[in-house]
PDB file of all heavy atoms in Angstrom:
ATOM      1  N   PRO A   1       0.805  -1.231   0.000  1.00  0.00           N
ATOM      2  CA  PRO A   1       0.001   0.000  -0.001  1.00  0.00           C
ATOM      3  C   PRO A   1       0.834   1.273   0.001  1.00  0.00           C
ATOM      4  O   PRO A   1       0.458   2.266  -0.628  1.00  0.00           O
ATOM      5  CB  PRO A   1      -0.833  -0.123   1.279  1.00  0.00           C
ATOM      6  CG  PRO A   1      -0.872  -1.586   1.580  1.00  0.00           C
ATOM      7  CD  PRO A   1       0.448  -2.123   1.116  1.00  0.00           C
ATOM      8  N   ASN A   2       1.967   1.259   0.706  1.00  0.00           N
ATOM      9  CA  ASN A   2       2.794   2.455   0.759  1.00  0.00           C
ATOM     10  C   ASN A   2       3.337   2.820  -0.614  1.00  0.00           C
ATOM     11  O   ASN A   2       3.364   3.997  -1.001  1.00  0.00           O
ATOM     12  CB  ASN A   2       3.953   2.255   1.744  1.00  0.00           C
ATOM     13  CG  ASN A   2       3.488   2.194   3.174  1.00  0.00           C
ATOM     14  OD1 ASN A   2       2.474   2.800   3.530  1.00  0.00           O
ATOM     15  ND2 ASN A   2       4.208   1.457   4.003  1.00  0.00           N
ATOM     16  N   GLU A   3       3.769   1.823  -1.360  1.00  0.00           N
ATOM     17  CA  GLU A   3       4.281   2.073  -2.705  1.00  0.00           C
ATOM     18  C   GLU A   3       3.159   2.526  -3.637  1.00  0.00           C
ATOM     19  O   GLU A   3       3.349   3.403  -4.472  1.00  0.00           O
ATOM     20  CB  GLU A   3       4.959   0.816  -3.255  1.00  0.00           C
ATOM     21  CG  GLU A   3       5.603   1.000  -4.624  1.00  0.00           C
ATOM     22  CD  GLU A   3       6.748   2.007  -4.619  1.00  0.00           C
ATOM     23  OE1 GLU A   3       7.325   2.266  -3.539  1.00  0.00           O
ATOM     24  OE2 GLU A   3       7.058   2.543  -5.699  1.00  0.00           O
ATOM     25  N   MET A   4       1.976   1.925  -3.487  1.00  0.00           N
ATOM     26  CA  MET A   4       0.825   2.339  -4.302  1.00  0.00           C
ATOM     27  C   MET A   4       0.515   3.815  -4.068  1.00  0.00           C
ATOM     28  O   MET A   4       0.315   4.573  -5.010  1.00  0.00           O
ATOM     29  CB  MET A   4      -0.408   1.489  -3.968  1.00  0.00           C
ATOM     30  CG  MET A   4      -0.340   0.048  -4.451  1.00  0.00           C
ATOM     31  SD  MET A   4      -1.871  -0.852  -4.102  1.00  0.00           S
ATOM     32  CE  MET A   4      -2.945  -0.203  -5.378  1.00  0.00           C
ATOM     33  N   GLN A   5       0.486   4.218  -2.799  1.00  0.00           N
ATOM     34  CA  GLN A   5       0.188   5.615  -2.475  1.00  0.00           C
ATOM     35  C   GLN A   5       1.275   6.546  -2.998  1.00  0.00           C
ATOM     36  O   GLN A   5       0.986   7.678  -3.405  1.00  0.00           O
ATOM     37  CB  GLN A   5       0.018   5.776  -0.964  1.00  0.00           C
ATOM     38  CG  GLN A   5      -1.213   5.080  -0.415  1.00  0.00           C
ATOM     39  CD  GLN A   5      -1.343   5.223   1.086  1.00  0.00           C
ATOM     40  OE1 GLN A   5      -0.860   6.180   1.659  1.00  0.00           O
ATOM     41  NE2 GLN A   5      -1.993   4.256   1.729  1.00  0.00           N
ATOM     42  N   HIS A   6       2.508   6.061  -2.995  1.00  0.00           N
ATOM     43  CA  HIS A   6       3.617   6.858  -3.517  1.00  0.00           C
ATOM     44  C   HIS A   6       3.456   7.087  -5.017  1.00  0.00           C
ATOM     45  O   HIS A   6       3.834   8.136  -5.546  1.00  0.00           O
ATOM     46  CB  HIS A   6       4.938   6.143  -3.226  1.00  0.00           C
ATOM     47  CG  HIS A   6       6.132   6.831  -3.809  1.00  0.00           C
ATOM     48  ND1 HIS A   6       6.625   8.024  -3.317  1.00  0.00           N
ATOM     49  CD2 HIS A   6       6.932   6.499  -4.864  1.00  0.00           C
ATOM     50  CE1 HIS A   6       7.672   8.399  -4.038  1.00  0.00           C
ATOM     51  NE2 HIS A   6       7.887   7.489  -4.975  1.00  0.00           N
ATOM     52  N   MET A   7       2.871   6.107  -5.726  1.00  0.00           N
ATOM     53  CA  MET A   7       2.732   6.190  -7.178  1.00  0.00           C
ATOM     54  C   MET A   7       1.504   6.988  -7.604  1.00  0.00           C
ATOM     55  O   MET A   7       1.419   7.438  -8.744  1.00  0.00           O
ATOM     56  CB  MET A   7       2.666   4.783  -7.780  1.00  0.00           C
ATOM     57  CG  MET A   7       3.937   3.969  -7.590  1.00  0.00           C
ATOM     58  SD  MET A   7       3.763   2.272  -8.198  1.00  0.00           S
ATOM     59  CE  MET A   7       3.705   2.571  -9.962  1.00  0.00           C
ATOM     60  N   ILE A   8       0.544   7.147  -6.696  1.00  0.00           N
ATOM     61  CA  ILE A   8      -0.692   7.866  -7.019  1.00  0.00           C
ATOM     62  C   ILE A   8      -0.630   9.276  -6.451  1.00  0.00           C
ATOM     63  O   ILE A   8      -0.527   9.459  -5.238  1.00  0.00           O
ATOM     64  CB  ILE A   8      -1.930   7.131  -6.464  1.00  0.00           C
ATOM     65  CG1 ILE A   8      -2.027   5.721  -7.038  1.00  0.00           C
ATOM     66  CG2 ILE A   8      -3.199   7.929  -6.752  1.00  0.00           C
ATOM     67  CD1 ILE A   8      -2.233   5.692  -8.522  1.00  0.00           C
ATOM     68  N   SER A   9      -0.719  10.269  -7.316  1.00  0.00           N
ATOM     69  CA  SER A   9      -0.713  11.660  -6.886  1.00  0.00           C
ATOM     70  C   SER A   9      -2.142  12.212  -6.974  1.00  0.00           C
ATOM     71  O   SER A   9      -2.692  12.342  -8.073  1.00  0.00           O
ATOM     72  CB  SER A   9       0.224  12.486  -7.775  1.00  0.00           C
ATOM     73  OG  SER A   9       0.180  13.852  -7.412  1.00  0.00           O
ATOM     74  N   ILE A  10      -2.737  12.488  -5.818  1.00  0.00           N
ATOM     75  CA  ILE A  10      -4.112  12.988  -5.782  1.00  0.00           C
ATOM     76  C   ILE A  10      -4.095  14.503  -5.695  1.00  0.00           C
ATOM     77  O   ILE A  10      -3.538  15.064  -4.748  1.00  0.00           O
ATOM     78  CB  ILE A  10      -4.868  12.403  -4.574  1.00  0.00           C
ATOM     79  CG1 ILE A  10      -4.831  10.870  -4.625  1.00  0.00           C
ATOM     80  CG2 ILE A  10      -6.303  12.895  -4.546  1.00  0.00           C
ATOM     81  CD1 ILE A  10      -5.456  10.215  -3.419  1.00  0.00           C
ATOM     82  N   ASN A  11      -4.699  15.168  -6.682  1.00  0.00           N
ATOM     83  CA  ASN A  11      -4.690  16.631  -6.654  1.00  0.00           C
ATOM     84  C   ASN A  11      -5.628  17.152  -5.560  1.00  0.00           C
ATOM     85  O   ASN A  11      -6.518  16.431  -5.094  1.00  0.00           O
ATOM     86  CB  ASN A  11      -5.042  17.202  -8.034  1.00  0.00           C
ATOM     87  CG  ASN A  11      -6.450  16.881  -8.474  1.00  0.00           C
ATOM     88  OD1 ASN A  11      -7.394  16.956  -7.691  1.00  0.00           O
ATOM     89  ND2 ASN A  11      -6.619  16.511  -9.735  1.00  0.00           N
ATOM     90  N   PRO A  12      -5.431  18.396  -5.122  1.00  0.00           N
ATOM     91  CA  PRO A  12      -6.192  18.917  -3.968  1.00  0.00           C
ATOM     92  C   PRO A  12      -7.705  18.854  -4.163  1.00  0.00           C
ATOM     93  O   PRO A  12      -8.434  18.576  -3.212  1.00  0.00           O
ATOM     94  CB  PRO A  12      -5.703  20.374  -3.859  1.00  0.00           C
ATOM     95  CG  PRO A  12      -4.326  20.347  -4.455  1.00  0.00           C
ATOM     96  CD  PRO A  12      -4.401  19.351  -5.577  1.00  0.00           C
ATOM     97  N   GLU A  13      -8.179  19.116  -5.371  1.00  0.00           N
ATOM     98  CA  GLU A  13      -9.625  19.102  -5.606  1.00  0.00           C
ATOM     99  C   GLU A  13     -10.194  17.699  -5.415  1.00  0.00           C
ATOM    100  O   GLU A  13     -11.254  17.513  -4.821  1.00  0.00           O
ATOM    101  CB  GLU A  13      -9.927  19.603  -7.023  1.00  0.00           C
ATOM    102  CG  GLU A  13     -11.401  19.888  -7.282  1.00  0.00           C
ATOM    103  CD  GLU A  13     -11.941  20.999  -6.413  1.00  0.00           C
ATOM    104  OE1 GLU A  13     -11.179  21.920  -6.070  1.00  0.00           O
ATOM    105  OE2 GLU A  13     -13.139  20.949  -6.074  1.00  0.00           O
ATOM    106  N   THR A  14      -9.477  16.699  -5.920  1.00  0.00           N
ATOM    107  CA  THR A  14      -9.924  15.317  -5.763  1.00  0.00           C
ATOM    108  C   THR A  14      -9.809  14.867  -4.316  1.00  0.00           C
ATOM    109  O   THR A  14     -10.657  14.118  -3.813  1.00  0.00           O
ATOM    110  CB  THR A  14      -9.093  14.385  -6.663  1.00  0.00           C
ATOM    111  OG1 THR A  14      -9.185  14.839  -8.013  1.00  0.00           O
ATOM    112  CG2 THR A  14      -9.599  12.956  -6.589  1.00  0.00           C
ATOM    113  N   ARG A  15      -8.789  15.312  -3.621  1.00  0.00           N
ATOM    114  CA  ARG A  15      -8.586  14.908  -2.232  1.00  0.00           C
ATOM    115  C   ARG A  15      -9.762  15.307  -1.347  1.00  0.00           C
ATOM    116  O   ARG A  15     -10.046  14.648  -0.342  1.00  0.00           O
ATOM    117  CB  ARG A  15      -7.278  15.509  -1.697  1.00  0.00           C
ATOM    118  CG  ARG A  15      -6.892  15.005  -0.323  1.00  0.00           C
ATOM    119  CD  ARG A  15      -5.477  15.375   0.040  1.00  0.00           C
ATOM    120  NE  ARG A  15      -4.495  14.633  -0.744  1.00  0.00           N
ATOM    121  CZ  ARG A  15      -4.138  13.382  -0.492  1.00  0.00           C
ATOM    122  NH1 ARG A  15      -4.699  12.728   0.520  1.00  0.00           N
ATOM    123  NH2 ARG A  15      -3.246  12.774  -1.236  1.00  0.00           N
ATOM    124  N   LYS A  16     -10.490  16.357  -1.742  1.00  0.00           N
ATOM    125  CA  LYS A  16     -11.636  16.798  -0.950  1.00  0.00           C
ATOM    126  C   LYS A  16     -12.672  15.685  -0.821  1.00  0.00           C
ATOM    127  O   LYS A  16     -13.269  15.507   0.232  1.00  0.00           O
ATOM    128  CB  LYS A  16     -12.275  18.035  -1.589  1.00  0.00           C
ATOM    129  CG  LYS A  16     -11.434  19.292  -1.489  1.00  0.00           C
ATOM    130  CD  LYS A  16     -12.147  20.455  -2.180  1.00  0.00           C
ATOM    131  CE  LYS A  16     -11.301  21.710  -2.147  1.00  0.00           C
ATOM    132  NZ  LYS A  16     -11.958  22.851  -2.852  1.00  0.00           N
ATOM    133  N   TRP A  17     -12.905  14.941  -1.907  1.00  0.00           N
ATOM    134  CA  TRP A  17     -13.890  13.869  -1.787  1.00  0.00           C
ATOM    135  C   TRP A  17     -13.274  12.544  -1.381  1.00  0.00           C
ATOM    136  O   TRP A  17     -13.968  11.657  -0.883  1.00  0.00           O
ATOM    137  CB  TRP A  17     -14.754  13.737  -3.045  1.00  0.00           C
ATOM    138  CG  TRP A  17     -14.089  13.540  -4.358  1.00  0.00           C
ATOM    139  CD1 TRP A  17     -13.849  14.487  -5.301  1.00  0.00           C
ATOM    140  CD2 TRP A  17     -13.609  12.304  -4.917  1.00  0.00           C
ATOM    141  NE1 TRP A  17     -13.238  13.928  -6.394  1.00  0.00           N
ATOM    142  CE2 TRP A  17     -13.085  12.590  -6.196  1.00  0.00           C
ATOM    143  CE3 TRP A  17     -13.570  10.989  -4.464  1.00  0.00           C
ATOM    144  CZ2 TRP A  17     -12.527  11.615  -7.020  1.00  0.00           C
ATOM    145  CZ3 TRP A  17     -13.020  10.014  -5.273  1.00  0.00           C
ATOM    146  CH2 TRP A  17     -12.503  10.334  -6.533  1.00  0.00           C
ATOM    147  N   VAL A  18     -11.970  12.370  -1.575  1.00  0.00           N
ATOM    148  CA  VAL A  18     -11.324  11.175  -1.046  1.00  0.00           C
ATOM    149  C   VAL A  18     -11.368  11.189   0.480  1.00  0.00           C
ATOM    150  O   VAL A  18     -11.601  10.167   1.131  1.00  0.00           O
ATOM    151  CB  VAL A  18      -9.857  11.079  -1.540  1.00  0.00           C
ATOM    152  CG1 VAL A  18      -9.127   9.942  -0.840  1.00  0.00           C
ATOM    153  CG2 VAL A  18      -9.819  10.855  -3.052  1.00  0.00           C
ATOM    154  N   GLU A  19     -11.155  12.369   1.065  1.00  0.00           N
ATOM    155  CA  GLU A  19     -11.111  12.505   2.519  1.00  0.00           C
ATOM    156  C   GLU A  19     -12.456  12.914   3.122  1.00  0.00           C
ATOM    157  O   GLU A  19     -12.546  13.191   4.315  1.00  0.00           O
ATOM    158  CB  GLU A  19     -10.026  13.510   2.898  1.00  0.00           C
ATOM    159  CG  GLU A  19      -8.628  13.064   2.471  1.00  0.00           C
ATOM    160  CD  GLU A  19      -7.541  14.063   2.819  1.00  0.00           C
ATOM    161  OE1 GLU A  19      -7.904  15.217   3.132  1.00  0.00           O
ATOM    162  OE2 GLU A  19      -6.364  13.703   2.760  1.00  0.00           O
ATOM    163  N   ARG A  20     -13.482  12.953   2.301  1.00  0.00           N
ATOM    164  CA  ARG A  20     -14.819  13.301   2.765  1.00  0.00           C
ATOM    165  C   ARG A  20     -15.324  12.233   3.734  1.00  0.00           C
ATOM    166  O   ARG A  20     -15.023  11.055   3.585  1.00  0.00           O
ATOM    167  CB  ARG A  20     -15.729  13.382   1.538  1.00  0.00           C
ATOM    168  CG  ARG A  20     -17.195  13.687   1.797  1.00  0.00           C
ATOM    169  CD  ARG A  20     -17.912  13.603   0.456  1.00  0.00           C
ATOM    170  NE  ARG A  20     -19.308  13.993   0.510  1.00  0.00           N
ATOM    171  CZ  ARG A  20     -20.305  13.163   0.800  1.00  0.00           C
ATOM    172  NH1 ARG A  20     -20.060  11.906   1.111  1.00  0.00           N
ATOM    173  NH2 ARG A  20     -21.558  13.591   0.773  1.00  0.00           N
ATOM    174  N   PRO A  21     -16.112  12.615   4.763  1.00  0.00           N
ATOM    175  CA  PRO A  21     -16.669  11.593   5.670  1.00  0.00           C
ATOM    176  C   PRO A  21     -17.608  10.648   4.916  1.00  0.00           C
ATOM    177  O   PRO A  21     -18.150  11.001   3.869  1.00  0.00           O
ATOM    178  CB  PRO A  21     -17.420  12.419   6.720  1.00  0.00           C
ATOM    179  CG  PRO A  21     -17.658  13.742   6.084  1.00  0.00           C
ATOM    180  CD  PRO A  21     -16.506  13.979   5.162  1.00  0.00           C
ATOM    181  N   GLU A  22     -17.766   9.464   5.440  1.00  0.00           N
ATOM    182  CA  GLU A  22     -18.619   8.475   4.760  1.00  0.00           C
ATOM    183  C   GLU A  22     -20.035   9.007   4.569  1.00  0.00           C
ATOM    184  O   GLU A  22     -20.676   8.761   3.555  1.00  0.00           O
ATOM    185  CB  GLU A  22     -18.642   7.177   5.555  1.00  0.00           C
ATOM    186  CG  GLU A  22     -19.400   6.069   4.854  1.00  0.00           C
ATOM    187  CD  GLU A  22     -19.240   4.727   5.539  1.00  0.00           C
ATOM    188  OE1 GLU A  22     -18.620   4.679   6.630  1.00  0.00           O
ATOM    189  OE2 GLU A  22     -19.731   3.728   5.000  1.00  0.00           O
ATOM    190  N   PHE A  23     -20.517   9.741   5.555  1.00  0.00           N
ATOM    191  CA  PHE A  23     -21.843  10.376   5.454  1.00  0.00           C
ATOM    192  C   PHE A  23     -21.685  11.851   5.778  1.00  0.00           C
ATOM    193  O   PHE A  23     -21.149  12.216   6.824  1.00  0.00           O
ATOM    194  CB  PHE A  23     -22.838   9.711   6.400  1.00  0.00           C
ATOM    195  CG  PHE A  23     -23.149   8.285   6.044  1.00  0.00           C
ATOM    196  CD1 PHE A  23     -22.504   7.245   6.677  1.00  0.00           C
ATOM    197  CD2 PHE A  23     -24.070   7.997   5.050  1.00  0.00           C
ATOM    198  CE1 PHE A  23     -22.767   5.937   6.341  1.00  0.00           C
ATOM    199  CE2 PHE A  23     -24.342   6.684   4.695  1.00  0.00           C
ATOM    200  CZ  PHE A  23     -23.683   5.645   5.338  1.00  0.00           C
ATOM    201  N   ALA A  24     -22.143  12.710   4.891  1.00  0.00           N
ATOM    202  CA  ALA A  24     -22.034  14.160   5.065  1.00  0.00           C
ATOM    203  C   ALA A  24     -23.437  14.765   5.004  1.00  0.00           C
ATOM    204  O   ALA A  24     -24.453  14.065   4.985  1.00  0.00           O
ATOM    205  CB  ALA A  24     -21.129  14.759   3.988  1.00  0.00           C
ATOM    206  N   ASP A  25     -23.486  16.111   4.955  1.00  0.00           N
ATOM    207  CA  ASP A  25     -24.785  16.782   4.912  1.00  0.00           C
ATOM    208  C   ASP A  25     -25.531  16.504   3.619  1.00  0.00           C
ATOM    209  O   ASP A  25     -26.756  16.561   3.580  1.00  0.00           O
ATOM    210  CB  ASP A  25     -24.591  18.293   5.084  1.00  0.00           C
ATOM    211  CG  ASP A  25     -24.083  18.656   6.466  1.00  0.00           C
ATOM    212  OD1 ASP A  25     -24.323  17.865   7.404  1.00  0.00           O
ATOM    213  OD2 ASP A  25     -23.444  19.701   6.612  1.00  0.00           O
ATOM    214  N   ARG A  26     -24.771  16.217   2.571  1.00  0.00           N
ATOM    215  CA  ARG A  26     -25.404  15.992   1.267  1.00  0.00           C
ATOM    216  C   ARG A  26     -24.712  14.845   0.544  1.00  0.00           C
ATOM    217  O   ARG A  26     -23.495  14.703   0.624  1.00  0.00           O
ATOM    218  CB  ARG A  26     -25.298  17.264   0.422  1.00  0.00           C
ATOM    219  CG  ARG A  26     -26.148  17.228  -0.841  1.00  0.00           C
ATOM    220  CD  ARG A  26     -25.977  18.515  -1.629  1.00  0.00           C
ATOM    221  NE  ARG A  26     -26.906  18.602  -2.748  1.00  0.00           N
ATOM    222  CZ  ARG A  26     -26.822  19.482  -3.736  1.00  0.00           C
ATOM    223  NH1 ARG A  26     -25.818  20.352  -3.737  1.00  0.00           N
ATOM    224  NH2 ARG A  26     -27.694  19.500  -4.706  1.00  0.00           N
ATOM    225  N   GLY A  27     -25.489  14.023  -0.125  1.00  0.00           N
ATOM    226  CA  GLY A  27     -24.920  12.898  -0.862  1.00  0.00           C
ATOM    227  C   GLY A  27     -24.118  13.344  -2.071  1.00  0.00           C
ATOM    228  O   GLY A  27     -24.125  14.524  -2.449  1.00  0.00           O
ATOM    229  N   LEU A  28     -23.418  12.399  -2.677  1.00  0.00           N
ATOM    230  CA  LEU A  28     -22.567  12.705  -3.821  1.00  0.00           C
ATOM    231  C   LEU A  28     -22.444  11.472  -4.707  1.00  0.00           C
ATOM    232  O   LEU A  28     -22.215  10.366  -4.215  1.00  0.00           O
ATOM    233  CB  LEU A  28     -21.172  13.126  -3.341  1.00  0.00           C
ATOM    234  CG  LEU A  28     -20.097  13.396  -4.402  1.00  0.00           C
ATOM    235  CD1 LEU A  28     -20.468  14.610  -5.243  1.00  0.00           C
ATOM    236  CD2 LEU A  28     -18.743  13.595  -3.737  1.00  0.00           C
ATOM    237  N   VAL A  29     -22.621  11.657  -6.012  1.00  0.00           N
ATOM    238  CA  VAL A  29     -22.407  10.586  -6.982  1.00  0.00           C
ATOM    239  C   VAL A  29     -21.103  10.859  -7.714  1.00  0.00           C
ATOM    240  O   VAL A  29     -20.904  11.949  -8.252  1.00  0.00           O
ATOM    241  CB  VAL A  29     -23.565  10.497  -7.997  1.00  0.00           C
ATOM    242  CG1 VAL A  29     -23.247   9.460  -9.078  1.00  0.00           C
ATOM    243  CG2 VAL A  29     -24.869  10.121  -7.295  1.00  0.00           C
ATOM    244  N   ILE A  30     -20.199   9.892  -7.698  1.00  0.00           N
ATOM    245  CA  ILE A  30     -18.928  10.006  -8.403  1.00  0.00           C
ATOM    246  C   ILE A  30     -18.944   9.017  -9.559  1.00  0.00           C
ATOM    247  O   ILE A  30     -19.210   7.827  -9.364  1.00  0.00           O
ATOM    248  CB  ILE A  30     -17.744   9.706  -7.466  1.00  0.00           C
ATOM    249  CG1 ILE A  30     -17.746  10.670  -6.283  1.00  0.00           C
ATOM    250  CG2 ILE A  30     -16.425   9.782  -8.225  1.00  0.00           C
ATOM    251  CD1 ILE A  30     -16.766  10.325  -5.211  1.00  0.00           C
ATOM    252  N   VAL A  31     -18.671   9.512 -10.749  1.00  0.00           N
ATOM    253  CA  VAL A  31     -18.690   8.669 -11.945  1.00  0.00           C
ATOM    254  C   VAL A  31     -17.268   8.518 -12.469  1.00  0.00           C
ATOM    255  O   VAL A  31     -16.577   9.520 -12.677  1.00  0.00           O
ATOM    256  CB  VAL A  31     -19.600   9.285 -13.035  1.00  0.00           C
ATOM    257  CG1 VAL A  31     -19.681   8.351 -14.239  1.00  0.00           C
ATOM    258  CG2 VAL A  31     -20.999   9.515 -12.475  1.00  0.00           C
ATOM    259  N   GLY A  32     -16.846   7.278 -12.641  1.00  0.00           N
ATOM    260  CA  GLY A  32     -15.480   7.018 -13.079  1.00  0.00           C
ATOM    261  C   GLY A  32     -15.408   6.406 -14.462  1.00  0.00           C
ATOM    262  O   GLY A  32     -16.287   5.653 -14.874  1.00  0.00           O
ATOM    263  N   LEU A  33     -14.356   6.770 -15.181  1.00  0.00           N
ATOM    264  CA  LEU A  33     -14.055   6.145 -16.478  1.00  0.00           C
ATOM    265  C   LEU A  33     -13.018   5.055 -16.278  1.00  0.00           C
ATOM    266  O   LEU A  33     -12.058   5.235 -15.541  1.00  0.00           O
ATOM    267  CB  LEU A  33     -13.499   7.188 -17.459  1.00  0.00           C
ATOM    268  CG  LEU A  33     -14.494   8.138 -18.094  1.00  0.00           C
ATOM    269  CD1 LEU A  33     -13.765   9.301 -18.753  1.00  0.00           C
ATOM    270  CD2 LEU A  33     -15.326   7.408 -19.138  1.00  0.00           C
ATOM    271  N   HIS A  34     -13.212   3.931 -16.939  1.00  0.00           N
ATOM    272  CA  HIS A  34     -12.242   2.841 -16.850  1.00  0.00           C
ATOM    273  C   HIS A  34     -11.083   3.119 -17.804  1.00  0.00           C
ATOM    274  O   HIS A  34     -10.840   2.397 -18.772  1.00  0.00           O
ATOM    275  CB  HIS A  34     -12.905   1.507 -17.182  1.00  0.00           C
ATOM    276  CG  HIS A  34     -13.836   1.043 -16.115  1.00  0.00           C
ATOM    277  ND1 HIS A  34     -15.123   1.503 -16.018  1.00  0.00           N
ATOM    278  CD2 HIS A  34     -13.657   0.177 -15.085  1.00  0.00           C
ATOM    279  CE1 HIS A  34     -15.710   0.925 -14.987  1.00  0.00           C
ATOM    280  NE2 HIS A  34     -14.848   0.124 -14.406  1.00  0.00           N
ATOM    281  N   LEU A  35     -10.375   4.203 -17.526  1.00  0.00           N
ATOM    282  CA  LEU A  35      -9.208   4.564 -18.315  1.00  0.00           C
ATOM    283  C   LEU A  35      -7.953   4.218 -17.536  1.00  0.00           C
ATOM    284  O   LEU A  35      -7.917   4.367 -16.314  1.00  0.00           O
ATOM    285  CB  LEU A  35      -9.216   6.065 -18.644  1.00  0.00           C
ATOM    286  CG  LEU A  35     -10.323   6.539 -19.576  1.00  0.00           C
ATOM    287  CD1 LEU A  35     -10.292   8.049 -19.694  1.00  0.00           C
ATOM    288  CD2 LEU A  35     -10.172   5.914 -20.952  1.00  0.00           C
ATOM    289  N   SER A  36      -6.925   3.764 -18.233  1.00  0.00           N
ATOM    290  CA  SER A  36      -5.661   3.388 -17.608  1.00  0.00           C
ATOM    291  C   SER A  36      -5.931   2.409 -16.475  1.00  0.00           C
ATOM    292  O   SER A  36      -6.741   1.496 -16.618  1.00  0.00           O
ATOM    293  CB  SER A  36      -4.911   4.635 -17.135  1.00  0.00           C
ATOM    294  OG  SER A  36      -3.587   4.292 -16.768  1.00  0.00           O
ATOM    295  N   ASN A  37      -5.287   2.590 -15.322  1.00  0.00           N
ATOM    296  CA  ASN A  37      -5.348   1.581 -14.267  1.00  0.00           C
ATOM    297  C   ASN A  37      -6.412   1.945 -13.234  1.00  0.00           C
ATOM    298  O   ASN A  37      -6.108   2.306 -12.093  1.00  0.00           O
ATOM    299  CB  ASN A  37      -3.976   1.420 -13.615  1.00  0.00           C
ATOM    300  CG  ASN A  37      -3.738   0.005 -13.143  1.00  0.00           C
ATOM    301  OD1 ASN A  37      -4.676  -0.715 -12.871  1.00  0.00           O
ATOM    302  ND2 ASN A  37      -2.487  -0.387 -13.059  1.00  0.00           N
ATOM    303  N   PHE A  38      -7.661   1.814 -13.615  1.00  0.00           N
ATOM    304  CA  PHE A  38      -8.796   2.206 -12.788  1.00  0.00           C
ATOM    305  C   PHE A  38      -8.754   1.501 -11.426  1.00  0.00           C
ATOM    306  O   PHE A  38      -8.903   2.128 -10.377  1.00  0.00           O
ATOM    307  CB  PHE A  38     -10.094   1.866 -13.520  1.00  0.00           C
ATOM    308  CG  PHE A  38     -11.354   2.213 -12.773  1.00  0.00           C
ATOM    309  CD1 PHE A  38     -11.917   3.475 -12.875  1.00  0.00           C
ATOM    310  CD2 PHE A  38     -11.985   1.274 -11.973  1.00  0.00           C
ATOM    311  CE1 PHE A  38     -13.077   3.797 -12.192  1.00  0.00           C
ATOM    312  CE2 PHE A  38     -13.143   1.588 -11.281  1.00  0.00           C
ATOM    313  CZ  PHE A  38     -13.690   2.841 -11.387  1.00  0.00           C
ATOM    314  N   ASP A  39      -8.534   0.180 -11.419  1.00  0.00           N
ATOM    315  CA  ASP A  39      -8.557  -0.573 -10.172  1.00  0.00           C
ATOM    316  C   ASP A  39      -7.369  -0.227  -9.282  1.00  0.00           C
ATOM    317  O   ASP A  39      -7.483  -0.247  -8.053  1.00  0.00           O
ATOM    318  CB  ASP A  39      -8.601  -2.077 -10.452  1.00  0.00           C
ATOM    319  CG  ASP A  39      -9.937  -2.684 -10.062  1.00  0.00           C
ATOM    320  OD1 ASP A  39     -10.863  -2.613 -10.869  1.00  0.00           O
ATOM    321  OD2 ASP A  39     -10.049  -3.181  -8.931  1.00  0.00           O
ATOM    322  N   PHE A  40      -6.245   0.086  -9.881  1.00  0.00           N
ATOM    323  CA  PHE A  40      -5.061   0.473  -9.106  1.00  0.00           C
ATOM    324  C   PHE A  40      -5.358   1.730  -8.289  1.00  0.00           C
ATOM    325  O   PHE A  40      -5.063   1.808  -7.100  1.00  0.00           O
ATOM    326  CB  PHE A  40      -3.891   0.714 -10.062  1.00  0.00           C
ATOM    327  CG  PHE A  40      -2.567   0.932  -9.396  1.00  0.00           C
ATOM    328  CD1 PHE A  40      -1.716  -0.135  -9.140  1.00  0.00           C
ATOM    329  CD2 PHE A  40      -2.148   2.193  -9.027  1.00  0.00           C
ATOM    330  CE1 PHE A  40      -0.488   0.052  -8.525  1.00  0.00           C
ATOM    331  CE2 PHE A  40      -0.925   2.395  -8.417  1.00  0.00           C
ATOM    332  CZ  PHE A  40      -0.088   1.310  -8.169  1.00  0.00           C
ATOM    333  N   VAL A  41      -5.960   2.715  -8.952  1.00  0.00           N
ATOM    334  CA  VAL A  41      -6.303   3.972  -8.272  1.00  0.00           C
ATOM    335  C   VAL A  41      -7.376   3.730  -7.214  1.00  0.00           C
ATOM    336  O   VAL A  41      -7.297   4.248  -6.092  1.00  0.00           O
ATOM    337  CB  VAL A  41      -6.771   5.028  -9.296  1.00  0.00           C
ATOM    338  CG1 VAL A  41      -7.247   6.291  -8.585  1.00  0.00           C
ATOM    339  CG2 VAL A  41      -5.650   5.351 -10.275  1.00  0.00           C
ATOM    340  N   LEU A  42      -8.394   2.928  -7.558  1.00  0.00           N
ATOM    341  CA  LEU A  42      -9.478   2.649  -6.620  1.00  0.00           C
ATOM    342  C   LEU A  42      -8.954   1.950  -5.370  1.00  0.00           C
ATOM    343  O   LEU A  42      -9.351   2.281  -4.247  1.00  0.00           O
ATOM    344  CB  LEU A  42     -10.545   1.798  -7.303  1.00  0.00           C
ATOM    345  CG  LEU A  42     -11.813   1.501  -6.503  1.00  0.00           C
ATOM    346  CD1 LEU A  42     -12.495   2.793  -6.084  1.00  0.00           C
ATOM    347  CD2 LEU A  42     -12.762   0.636  -7.317  1.00  0.00           C
ATOM    348  N   GLN A  43      -8.057   0.967  -5.560  1.00  0.00           N
ATOM    349  CA  GLN A  43      -7.455   0.282  -4.408  1.00  0.00           C
ATOM    350  C   GLN A  43      -6.670   1.268  -3.545  1.00  0.00           C
ATOM    351  O   GLN A  43      -6.758   1.251  -2.310  1.00  0.00           O
ATOM    352  CB  GLN A  43      -6.512  -0.822  -4.903  1.00  0.00           C
ATOM    353  CG  GLN A  43      -7.189  -1.969  -5.608  1.00  0.00           C
ATOM    354  CD  GLN A  43      -7.653  -3.055  -4.650  1.00  0.00           C
ATOM    355  OE1 GLN A  43      -7.258  -3.075  -3.491  1.00  0.00           O
ATOM    356  NE2 GLN A  43      -8.499  -3.944  -5.128  1.00  0.00           N
ATOM    357  N   SER A  44      -5.899   2.140  -4.197  1.00  0.00           N
ATOM    358  CA  SER A  44      -5.055   3.074  -3.470  1.00  0.00           C
ATOM    359  C   SER A  44      -5.871   4.061  -2.636  1.00  0.00           C
ATOM    360  O   SER A  44      -5.610   4.247  -1.443  1.00  0.00           O
ATOM    361  CB  SER A  44      -4.159   3.846  -4.438  1.00  0.00           C
ATOM    362  OG  SER A  44      -3.365   4.798  -3.762  1.00  0.00           O
TER     363      SER A  44
END
């Protein structure tokens, strides 16, 4: 996992929803494209 995180650079805008609480004041739908290594990023 440490190496995976080292290889994945999350920009500040994306980090807002990565670090979002599981339940917040309002729901959110995130839509992903299966481009490049989709599962690698999802695992990380």
